[in-house]
PDB file of N, CA and C in Angstrom:
ATOM      1  N   MET A   1     -16.075  -8.590 -11.489  1.00  0.00           N
ATOM      2  CA  MET A   1     -15.327  -8.939 -12.678  1.00  0.00           C
ATOM      3  C   MET A   1     -16.145  -9.928 -13.496  1.00  0.00           C
ATOM      4  N   TYR A   2     -15.973  -9.835 -14.774  1.00  0.00           N
ATOM      5  CA  TYR A   2     -16.676 -10.716 -15.695  1.00  0.00           C
ATOM      6  C   TYR A   2     -15.644 -11.548 -16.461  1.00  0.00           C
ATOM      7  N   PRO A   3     -15.417 -12.802 -16.076  1.00  0.00           N
ATOM      8  CA  PRO A   3     -14.411 -13.613 -16.759  1.00  0.00           C
ATOM      9  C   PRO A   3     -14.680 -13.782 -18.249  1.00  0.00           C
ATOM     10  N   ASP A   4     -15.942 -13.696 -18.652  1.00  0.00           N
ATOM     11  CA  ASP A   4     -16.268 -13.820 -20.073  1.00  0.00           C
ATOM     12  C   ASP A   4     -15.676 -12.665 -20.877  1.00  0.00           C
ATOM     13  N   GLN A   5     -15.310 -11.577 -20.209  1.00  0.00           N
ATOM     14  CA  GLN A   5     -14.775 -10.393 -20.877  1.00  0.00           C
ATOM     15  C   GLN A   5     -13.238 -10.336 -20.794  1.00  0.00           C
ATOM     16  N   ALA A   6     -12.590 -11.424 -20.410  1.00  0.00           N
ATOM     17  CA  ALA A   6     -11.147 -11.425 -20.132  1.00  0.00           C
ATOM     18  C   ALA A   6     -10.305 -10.889 -21.284  1.00  0.00           C
ATOM     19  N   GLU A   7     -10.667 -11.142 -22.505  1.00  0.00           N
ATOM     20  CA  GLU A   7      -9.869 -10.646 -23.625  1.00  0.00           C
ATOM     21  C   GLU A   7      -9.918  -9.128 -23.726  1.00  0.00           C
ATOM     22  N   ARG A   8     -10.915  -8.503 -23.120  1.00  0.00           N
ATOM     23  CA  ARG A   8     -11.076  -7.054 -23.213  1.00  0.00           C
ATOM     24  C   ARG A   8     -10.819  -6.368 -21.878  1.00  0.00           C
ATOM     25  N   THR A   9     -10.352  -7.102 -20.881  1.00  0.00           N
ATOM     26  CA  THR A   9     -10.197  -6.537 -19.548  1.00  0.00           C
ATOM     27  C   THR A   9      -8.797  -6.818 -19.022  1.00  0.00           C
ATOM     28  N   HIS A  10      -8.216  -5.805 -18.374  1.00  0.00           N
ATOM     29  CA  HIS A  10      -6.933  -5.972 -17.712  1.00  0.00           C
ATOM     30  C   HIS A  10      -7.148  -5.742 -16.224  1.00  0.00           C
ATOM     31  N   VAL A  11      -6.811  -6.740 -15.417  1.00  0.00           N
ATOM     32  CA  VAL A  11      -7.053  -6.656 -13.978  1.00  0.00           C
ATOM     33  C   VAL A  11      -5.768  -6.998 -13.241  1.00  0.00           C
ATOM     34  N   VAL A  12      -5.457  -6.186 -12.232  1.00  0.00           N
ATOM     35  CA  VAL A  12      -4.357  -6.491 -11.325  1.00  0.00           C
ATOM     36  C   VAL A  12      -4.989  -6.712  -9.963  1.00  0.00           C
ATOM     37  N   VAL A  13      -4.754  -7.888  -9.368  1.00  0.00           N
ATOM     38  CA  VAL A  13      -5.387  -8.236  -8.106  1.00  0.00           C
ATOM     39  C   VAL A  13      -4.316  -8.431  -7.046  1.00  0.00           C
ATOM     40  N   GLY A  14      -4.536  -7.852  -5.895  1.00  0.00           N
ATOM     41  CA  GLY A  14      -3.604  -7.987  -4.792  1.00  0.00           C
ATOM     42  C   GLY A  14      -3.401  -6.651  -4.119  1.00  0.00           C
ATOM     43  N   HIS A  15      -2.553  -6.634  -3.115  1.00  0.00           N
ATOM     44  CA  HIS A  15      -2.264  -5.389  -2.412  1.00  0.00           C
ATOM     45  C   HIS A  15      -0.915  -4.882  -2.877  1.00  0.00           C
ATOM     46  N   PRO A  16      -0.813  -3.626  -3.313  1.00  0.00           N
ATOM     47  CA  PRO A  16       0.432  -3.125  -3.887  1.00  0.00           C
ATOM     48  C   PRO A  16       1.582  -2.948  -2.893  1.00  0.00           C
ATOM     49  N   VAL A  17       1.290  -2.842  -1.597  1.00  0.00           N
ATOM     50  CA  VAL A  17       2.328  -2.757  -0.572  1.00  0.00           C
ATOM     51  C   VAL A  17       1.966  -3.758   0.522  1.00  0.00           C
ATOM     52  N   VAL A  18       2.937  -4.557   0.927  1.00  0.00           N
ATOM     53  CA  VAL A  18       2.723  -5.559   1.973  1.00  0.00           C
ATOM     54  C   VAL A  18       3.720  -5.334   3.105  1.00  0.00           C
ATOM     55  N   CYS A  19       3.439  -5.956   4.265  1.00  0.00           N
ATOM     56  CA  CYS A  19       4.372  -5.828   5.389  1.00  0.00           C
ATOM     57  C   CYS A  19       4.524  -7.164   6.098  1.00  0.00           C
ATOM     58  N   SER A  20       5.525  -7.225   6.963  1.00  0.00           N
ATOM     59  CA  SER A  20       5.881  -8.473   7.626  1.00  0.00           C
ATOM     60  C   SER A  20       5.084  -8.753   8.901  1.00  0.00           C
ATOM     61  N   HIS A  21       4.183  -7.844   9.286  1.00  0.00           N
ATOM     62  CA  HIS A  21       3.417  -8.058  10.525  1.00  0.00           C
ATOM     63  C   HIS A  21       1.927  -8.125  10.190  1.00  0.00           C
ATOM     64  N   PRO A  22       1.253  -9.231  10.552  1.00  0.00           N
ATOM     65  CA  PRO A  22      -0.142  -9.425  10.136  1.00  0.00           C
ATOM     66  C   PRO A  22      -1.164  -8.525  10.822  1.00  0.00           C
ATOM     67  N   ASP A  23      -0.818  -7.864  11.912  1.00  0.00           N
ATOM     68  CA  ASP A  23      -1.808  -7.046  12.621  1.00  0.00           C
ATOM     69  C   ASP A  23      -1.930  -5.617  12.094  1.00  0.00           C
ATOM     70  N   LEU A  24      -1.014  -5.208  11.233  1.00  0.00           N
ATOM     71  CA  LEU A  24      -1.069  -3.837  10.720  1.00  0.00           C
ATOM     72  C   LEU A  24      -2.016  -3.747   9.530  1.00  0.00           C
ATOM     73  N   PHE A  25      -2.695  -2.606   9.418  1.00  0.00           N
ATOM     74  CA  PHE A  25      -3.529  -2.299   8.256  1.00  0.00           C
ATOM     75  C   PHE A  25      -2.733  -1.355   7.364  1.00  0.00           C
ATOM     76  N   ILE A  26      -2.638  -1.667   6.087  1.00  0.00           N
ATOM     77  CA  ILE A  26      -1.894  -0.831   5.153  1.00  0.00           C
ATOM     78  C   ILE A  26      -2.880  -0.126   4.234  1.00  0.00           C
ATOM     79  N   GLU A  27      -2.689   1.178   4.087  1.00  0.00           N
ATOM     80  CA  GLU A  27      -3.514   1.988   3.187  1.00  0.00           C
ATOM     81  C   GLU A  27      -2.661   2.367   1.974  1.00  0.00           C
ATOM     82  N   VAL A  28      -3.138   2.064   0.786  1.00  0.00           N
ATOM     83  CA  VAL A  28      -2.465   2.475  -0.451  1.00  0.00           C
ATOM     84  C   VAL A  28      -3.542   3.057  -1.351  1.00  0.00           C
ATOM     85  N   MET A  29      -3.458   4.371  -1.580  1.00  0.00           N
ATOM     86  CA  MET A  29      -4.509   5.042  -2.338  1.00  0.00           C
ATOM     87  C   MET A  29      -3.908   5.933  -3.423  1.00  0.00           C
ATOM     88  N   PRO A  30      -4.364   5.770  -4.674  1.00  0.00           N
ATOM     89  CA  PRO A  30      -3.897   6.652  -5.733  1.00  0.00           C
ATOM     90  C   PRO A  30      -4.687   7.955  -5.731  1.00  0.00           C
ATOM     91  N   ARG A  31      -4.030   9.001  -6.203  1.00  0.00           N
ATOM     92  CA  ARG A  31      -4.738  10.262  -6.441  1.00  0.00           C
ATOM     93  C   ARG A  31      -4.136  10.888  -7.681  1.00  0.00           C
ATOM     94  N   SER A  32      -4.859  11.758  -8.305  1.00  0.00           N
ATOM     95  CA  SER A  32      -4.401  12.369  -9.549  1.00  0.00           C
ATOM     96  C   SER A  32      -3.212  13.270  -9.305  1.00  0.00           C
ATOM     97  N   GLY A  33      -2.195  13.106 -10.140  1.00  0.00           N
ATOM     98  CA  GLY A  33      -1.009  13.950 -10.059  1.00  0.00           C
ATOM     99  C   GLY A  33      -1.161  15.188 -10.913  1.00  0.00           C
ATOM    100  N   PRO A  34      -0.244  16.134 -10.780  1.00  0.00           N
ATOM    101  CA  PRO A  34      -0.354  17.398 -11.506  1.00  0.00           C
ATOM    102  C   PRO A  34      -0.251  17.255 -13.022  1.00  0.00           C
ATOM    103  N   SER A  35       0.440  16.210 -13.512  1.00  0.00           N
ATOM    104  CA  SER A  35       0.589  16.046 -14.953  1.00  0.00           C
ATOM    105  C   SER A  35      -0.265  14.907 -15.495  1.00  0.00           C
ATOM    106  N   GLY A  36      -1.298  14.516 -14.750  1.00  0.00           N
ATOM    107  CA  GLY A  36      -2.224  13.491 -15.211  1.00  0.00           C
ATOM    108  C   GLY A  36      -1.892  12.080 -14.758  1.00  0.00           C
ATOM    109  N   GLY A  37      -0.713  11.852 -14.187  1.00  0.00           N
ATOM    110  CA  GLY A  37      -0.374  10.522 -13.683  1.00  0.00           C
ATOM    111  C   GLY A  37      -0.928  10.328 -12.284  1.00  0.00           C
ATOM    112  N   TYR A  38      -0.398   9.344 -11.594  1.00  0.00           N
ATOM    113  CA  TYR A  38      -0.835   9.049 -10.229  1.00  0.00           C
ATOM    114  C   TYR A  38       0.219   9.458  -9.215  1.00  0.00           C
ATOM    115  N   LEU A  39      -0.244   9.936  -8.078  1.00  0.00           N
ATOM    116  CA  LEU A  39       0.557  10.085  -6.871  1.00  0.00           C
ATOM    117  C   LEU A  39      -0.036   9.090  -5.887  1.00  0.00           C
ATOM    118  N   TRP A  40       0.786   8.524  -5.016  1.00  0.00           N
ATOM    119  CA  TRP A  40       0.315   7.471  -4.128  1.00  0.00           C
ATOM    120  C   TRP A  40       0.483   7.846  -2.670  1.00  0.00           C
ATOM    121  N   HIS A  41      -0.551   7.594  -1.882  1.00  0.00           N
ATOM    122  CA  HIS A  41      -0.528   7.743  -0.429  1.00  0.00           C
ATOM    123  C   HIS A  41      -0.354   6.335   0.142  1.00  0.00           C
ATOM    124  N   VAL A  42       0.698   6.145   0.966  1.00  0.00           N
ATOM    125  CA  VAL A  42       0.942   4.847   1.599  1.00  0.00           C
ATOM    126  C   VAL A  42       1.080   5.082   3.096  1.00  0.00           C
ATOM    127  N   ALA A  43       0.280   4.376   3.887  1.00  0.00           N
ATOM    128  CA  ALA A  43       0.302   4.547   5.342  1.00  0.00           C
ATOM    129  C   ALA A  43       0.008   3.209   6.013  1.00  0.00           C
ATOM    130  N   ALA A  44       0.344   3.131   7.306  1.00  0.00           N
ATOM    131  CA  ALA A  44       0.055   1.936   8.094  1.00  0.00           C
ATOM    132  C   ALA A  44      -0.657   2.349   9.369  1.00  0.00           C
ATOM    133  N   ASN A  45      -1.599   1.526   9.794  1.00  0.00           N
ATOM    134  CA  ASN A  45      -2.352   1.756  11.014  1.00  0.00           C
ATOM    135  C   ASN A  45      -2.119   0.563  11.931  1.00  0.00           C
ATOM    136  N   ASN A  46      -1.787   0.849  13.199  1.00  0.00           N
ATOM    137  CA  ASN A  46      -1.544  -0.204  14.185  1.00  0.00           C
ATOM    138  C   ASN A  46      -2.689  -0.217  15.200  1.00  0.00           C
ATOM    139  N   PRO A  47      -3.612  -1.166  15.086  1.00  0.00           N
ATOM    140  CA  PRO A  47      -4.749  -1.215  16.009  1.00  0.00           C
ATOM    141  C   PRO A  47      -4.420  -1.894  17.346  1.00  0.00           C
ATOM    142  N   THR A  48      -3.200  -2.394  17.503  1.00  0.00           N
ATOM    143  CA  THR A  48      -2.847  -3.122  18.725  1.00  0.00           C
ATOM    144  C   THR A  48      -2.468  -2.157  19.847  1.00  0.00           C
ATOM    145  N   ASP A  49      -2.272  -2.703  21.027  1.00  0.00           N
ATOM    146  CA  ASP A  49      -1.889  -1.873  22.174  1.00  0.00           C
ATOM    147  C   ASP A  49      -0.378  -1.925  22.445  1.00  0.00           C
ATOM    148  N   GLU A  50       0.395  -2.362  21.439  1.00  0.00           N
ATOM    149  CA  GLU A  50       1.853  -2.383  21.546  1.00  0.00           C
ATOM    150  C   GLU A  50       2.474  -1.839  20.262  1.00  0.00           C
ATOM    151  N   ASP A  51       3.659  -1.227  20.396  1.00  0.00           N
ATOM    152  CA  ASP A  51       4.399  -0.777  19.221  1.00  0.00           C
ATOM    153  C   ASP A  51       4.733  -1.994  18.358  1.00  0.00           C
ATOM    154  N   VAL A  52       4.712  -1.815  17.033  1.00  0.00           N
ATOM    155  CA  VAL A  52       5.005  -2.903  16.106  1.00  0.00           C
ATOM    156  C   VAL A  52       6.062  -2.447  15.110  1.00  0.00           C
ATOM    157  N   THR A  53       7.123  -3.222  14.977  1.00  0.00           N
ATOM    158  CA  THR A  53       8.150  -2.958  13.969  1.00  0.00           C
ATOM    159  C   THR A  53       7.943  -3.942  12.827  1.00  0.00           C
ATOM    160  N   ALA A  54       7.943  -3.427  11.596  1.00  0.00           N
ATOM    161  CA  ALA A  54       7.684  -4.282  10.440  1.00  0.00           C
ATOM    162  C   ALA A  54       8.467  -3.796   9.231  1.00  0.00           C
ATOM    163  N   GLN A  55       8.679  -4.713   8.308  1.00  0.00           N
ATOM    164  CA  GLN A  55       9.271  -4.418   7.004  1.00  0.00           C
ATOM    165  C   GLN A  55       8.123  -4.172   6.024  1.00  0.00           C
ATOM    166  N   PHE A  56       8.251  -3.142   5.213  1.00  0.00           N
ATOM    167  CA  PHE A  56       7.240  -2.809   4.204  1.00  0.00           C
ATOM    168  C   PHE A  56       7.896  -2.853   2.834  1.00  0.00           C
ATOM    169  N   LYS A  57       7.184  -3.433   1.842  1.00  0.00           N
ATOM    170  CA  LYS A  57       7.737  -3.467   0.485  1.00  0.00           C
ATOM    171  C   LYS A  57       6.621  -3.464  -0.547  1.00  0.00           C
ATOM    172  N   GLN A  58       6.952  -2.976  -1.708  1.00  0.00           N
ATOM    173  CA  GLN A  58       6.010  -2.955  -2.827  1.00  0.00           C
ATOM    174  C   GLN A  58       5.909  -4.359  -3.400  1.00  0.00           C
ATOM    175  N   SER A  59       4.679  -4.787  -3.709  1.00  0.00           N
ATOM    176  CA  SER A  59       4.480  -6.140  -4.230  1.00  0.00           C
ATOM    177  C   SER A  59       3.849  -6.179  -5.616  1.00  0.00           C
ATOM    178  N   LEU A  60       3.333  -5.058  -6.089  1.00  0.00           N
ATOM    179  CA  LEU A  60       2.751  -4.983  -7.434  1.00  0.00           C
ATOM    180  C   LEU A  60       3.339  -3.794  -8.170  1.00  0.00           C
ATOM    181  N   ASP A  61       3.530  -3.951  -9.459  1.00  0.00           N
ATOM    182  CA  ASP A  61       4.016  -2.860 -10.303  1.00  0.00           C
ATOM    183  C   ASP A  61       2.808  -2.080 -10.815  1.00  0.00           C
ATOM    184  N   LEU A  62       2.631  -0.859 -10.285  1.00  0.00           N
ATOM    185  CA  LEU A  62       1.511  -0.013 -10.691  1.00  0.00           C
ATOM    186  C   LEU A  62       2.032   1.327 -11.186  1.00  0.00           C
ATOM    187  N   PRO A  63       1.339   1.954 -12.111  1.00  0.00           N
ATOM    188  CA  PRO A  63       1.796   3.233 -12.660  1.00  0.00           C
ATOM    189  C   PRO A  63       2.006   4.289 -11.568  1.00  0.00           C
ATOM    190  N   GLY A  64       3.218   4.827 -11.508  1.00  0.00           N
ATOM    191  CA  GLY A  64       3.518   5.913 -10.577  1.00  0.00           C
ATOM    192  C   GLY A  64       3.868   5.478  -9.170  1.00  0.00           C
ATOM    193  N   LEU A  65       3.705   4.204  -8.826  1.00  0.00           N
ATOM    194  CA  LEU A  65       4.028   3.745  -7.474  1.00  0.00           C
ATOM    195  C   LEU A  65       5.489   3.314  -7.438  1.00  0.00           C
ATOM    196  N   ASP A  66       6.283   4.043  -6.673  1.00  0.00           N
ATOM    197  CA  ASP A  66       7.707   3.749  -6.521  1.00  0.00           C
ATOM    198  C   ASP A  66       8.000   3.736  -5.027  1.00  0.00           C
ATOM    199  N   PHE A  67       7.751   2.602  -4.399  1.00  0.00           N
ATOM    200  CA  PHE A  67       7.877   2.474  -2.948  1.00  0.00           C
ATOM    201  C   PHE A  67       9.072   1.593  -2.633  1.00  0.00           C
ATOM    202  N   GLU A  68      10.102   2.185  -2.059  1.00  0.00           N
ATOM    203  CA  GLU A  68      11.304   1.445  -1.683  1.00  0.00           C
ATOM    204  C   GLU A  68      11.044   0.618  -0.433  1.00  0.00           C
ATOM    205  N   GLU A  69      11.686  -0.546  -0.334  1.00  0.00           N
ATOM    206  CA  GLU A  69      11.557  -1.375   0.866  1.00  0.00           C
ATOM    207  C   GLU A  69      12.084  -0.599   2.067  1.00  0.00           C
ATOM    208  N   GLN A  70      11.365  -0.674   3.182  1.00  0.00           N
ATOM    209  CA  GLN A  70      11.725   0.091   4.376  1.00  0.00           C
ATOM    210  C   GLN A  70      11.201  -0.577   5.634  1.00  0.00           C
ATOM    211  N   GLU A  71      11.801  -0.198   6.773  1.00  0.00           N
ATOM    212  CA  GLU A  71      11.374  -0.715   8.070  1.00  0.00           C
ATOM    213  C   GLU A  71      10.919   0.453   8.925  1.00  0.00           C
ATOM    214  N   HIS A  72       9.792   0.256   9.621  1.00  0.00           N
ATOM    215  CA  HIS A  72       9.255   1.291  10.502  1.00  0.00           C
ATOM    216  C   HIS A  72       8.691   0.657  11.764  1.00  0.00           C
ATOM    217  N   THR A  73       8.689   1.441  12.830  1.00  0.00           N
ATOM    218  CA  THR A  73       7.972   1.067  14.043  1.00  0.00           C
ATOM    219  C   THR A  73       6.727   1.936  14.110  1.00  0.00           C
ATOM    220  N   VAL A  74       5.562   1.286  14.112  1.00  0.00           N
ATOM    221  CA  VAL A  74       4.289   1.999  14.190  1.00  0.00           C
ATOM    222  C   VAL A  74       3.839   1.940  15.648  1.00  0.00           C
ATOM    223  N   PRO A  75       3.646   3.108  16.279  1.00  0.00           N
ATOM    224  CA  PRO A  75       3.287   3.100  17.704  1.00  0.00           C
ATOM    225  C   PRO A  75       1.915   2.468  17.962  1.00  0.00           C
ATOM    226  N   ALA A  76       1.744   1.986  19.180  1.00  0.00           N
ATOM    227  CA  ALA A  76       0.471   1.386  19.588  1.00  0.00           C
ATOM    228  C   ALA A  76      -0.682   2.352  19.294  1.00  0.00           C
ATOM    229  N   GLY A  77      -1.693   1.864  18.593  1.00  0.00           N
ATOM    230  CA  GLY A  77      -2.844   2.695  18.258  1.00  0.00           C
ATOM    231  C   GLY A  77      -2.521   3.795  17.269  1.00  0.00           C
ATOM    232  N   GLY A  78      -1.362   3.738  16.653  1.00  0.00           N
ATOM    233  CA  GLY A  78      -0.887   4.844  15.808  1.00  0.00           C
ATOM    234  C   GLY A  78      -1.116   4.657  14.315  1.00  0.00           C
ATOM    235  N   HIS A  79      -0.858   5.736  13.612  1.00  0.00           N
ATOM    236  CA  HIS A  79      -1.002   5.814  12.161  1.00  0.00           C
ATOM    237  C   HIS A  79       0.283   6.442  11.623  1.00  0.00           C
ATOM    238  N   LEU A  80       0.926   5.795  10.667  1.00  0.00           N
ATOM    239  CA  LEU A  80       2.195   6.275  10.120  1.00  0.00           C
ATOM    240  C   LEU A  80       2.077   6.447   8.611  1.00  0.00           C
ATOM    241  N   VAL A  81       2.293   7.668   8.116  1.00  0.00           N
ATOM    242  CA  VAL A  81       2.295   7.930   6.690  1.00  0.00           C
ATOM    243  C   VAL A  81       3.723   7.734   6.183  1.00  0.00           C
ATOM    244  N   MET A  82       3.895   6.846   5.208  1.00  0.00           N
ATOM    245  CA  MET A  82       5.216   6.546   4.666  1.00  0.00           C
ATOM    246  C   MET A  82       5.469   7.209   3.323  1.00  0.00           C
ATOM    247  N   GLN A  83       4.408   7.567   2.617  1.00  0.00           N
ATOM    248  CA  GLN A  83       4.548   8.234   1.327  1.00  0.00           C
ATOM    249  C   GLN A  83       3.289   9.024   1.051  1.00  0.00           C
ATOM    250  N   GLU A  84       3.469  10.274   0.594  1.00  0.00           N
ATOM    251  CA  GLU A  84       2.313  11.108   0.237  1.00  0.00           C
ATOM    252  C   GLU A  84       2.478  11.668  -1.130  1.00  0.00           C
TER     253      GLU A  84
END
């Protein structure tokens, strides 16, 4: 980023989906939708050796991302897709 260009640049910084458990990895990836907008892939990866239950919620307002707050248990070593 170039702070000198701030008047000409729009930046959103942060993770668009967060969860209540620090050991989970959250994947949030945009892809092109059929009408030119975005579709979003949201998933969680649990690298631990125990099942983890966590609350997930959207934290940034991004075009096309409509992620409702939800709770899931991600199995040990597992990967859970919450939105495709």
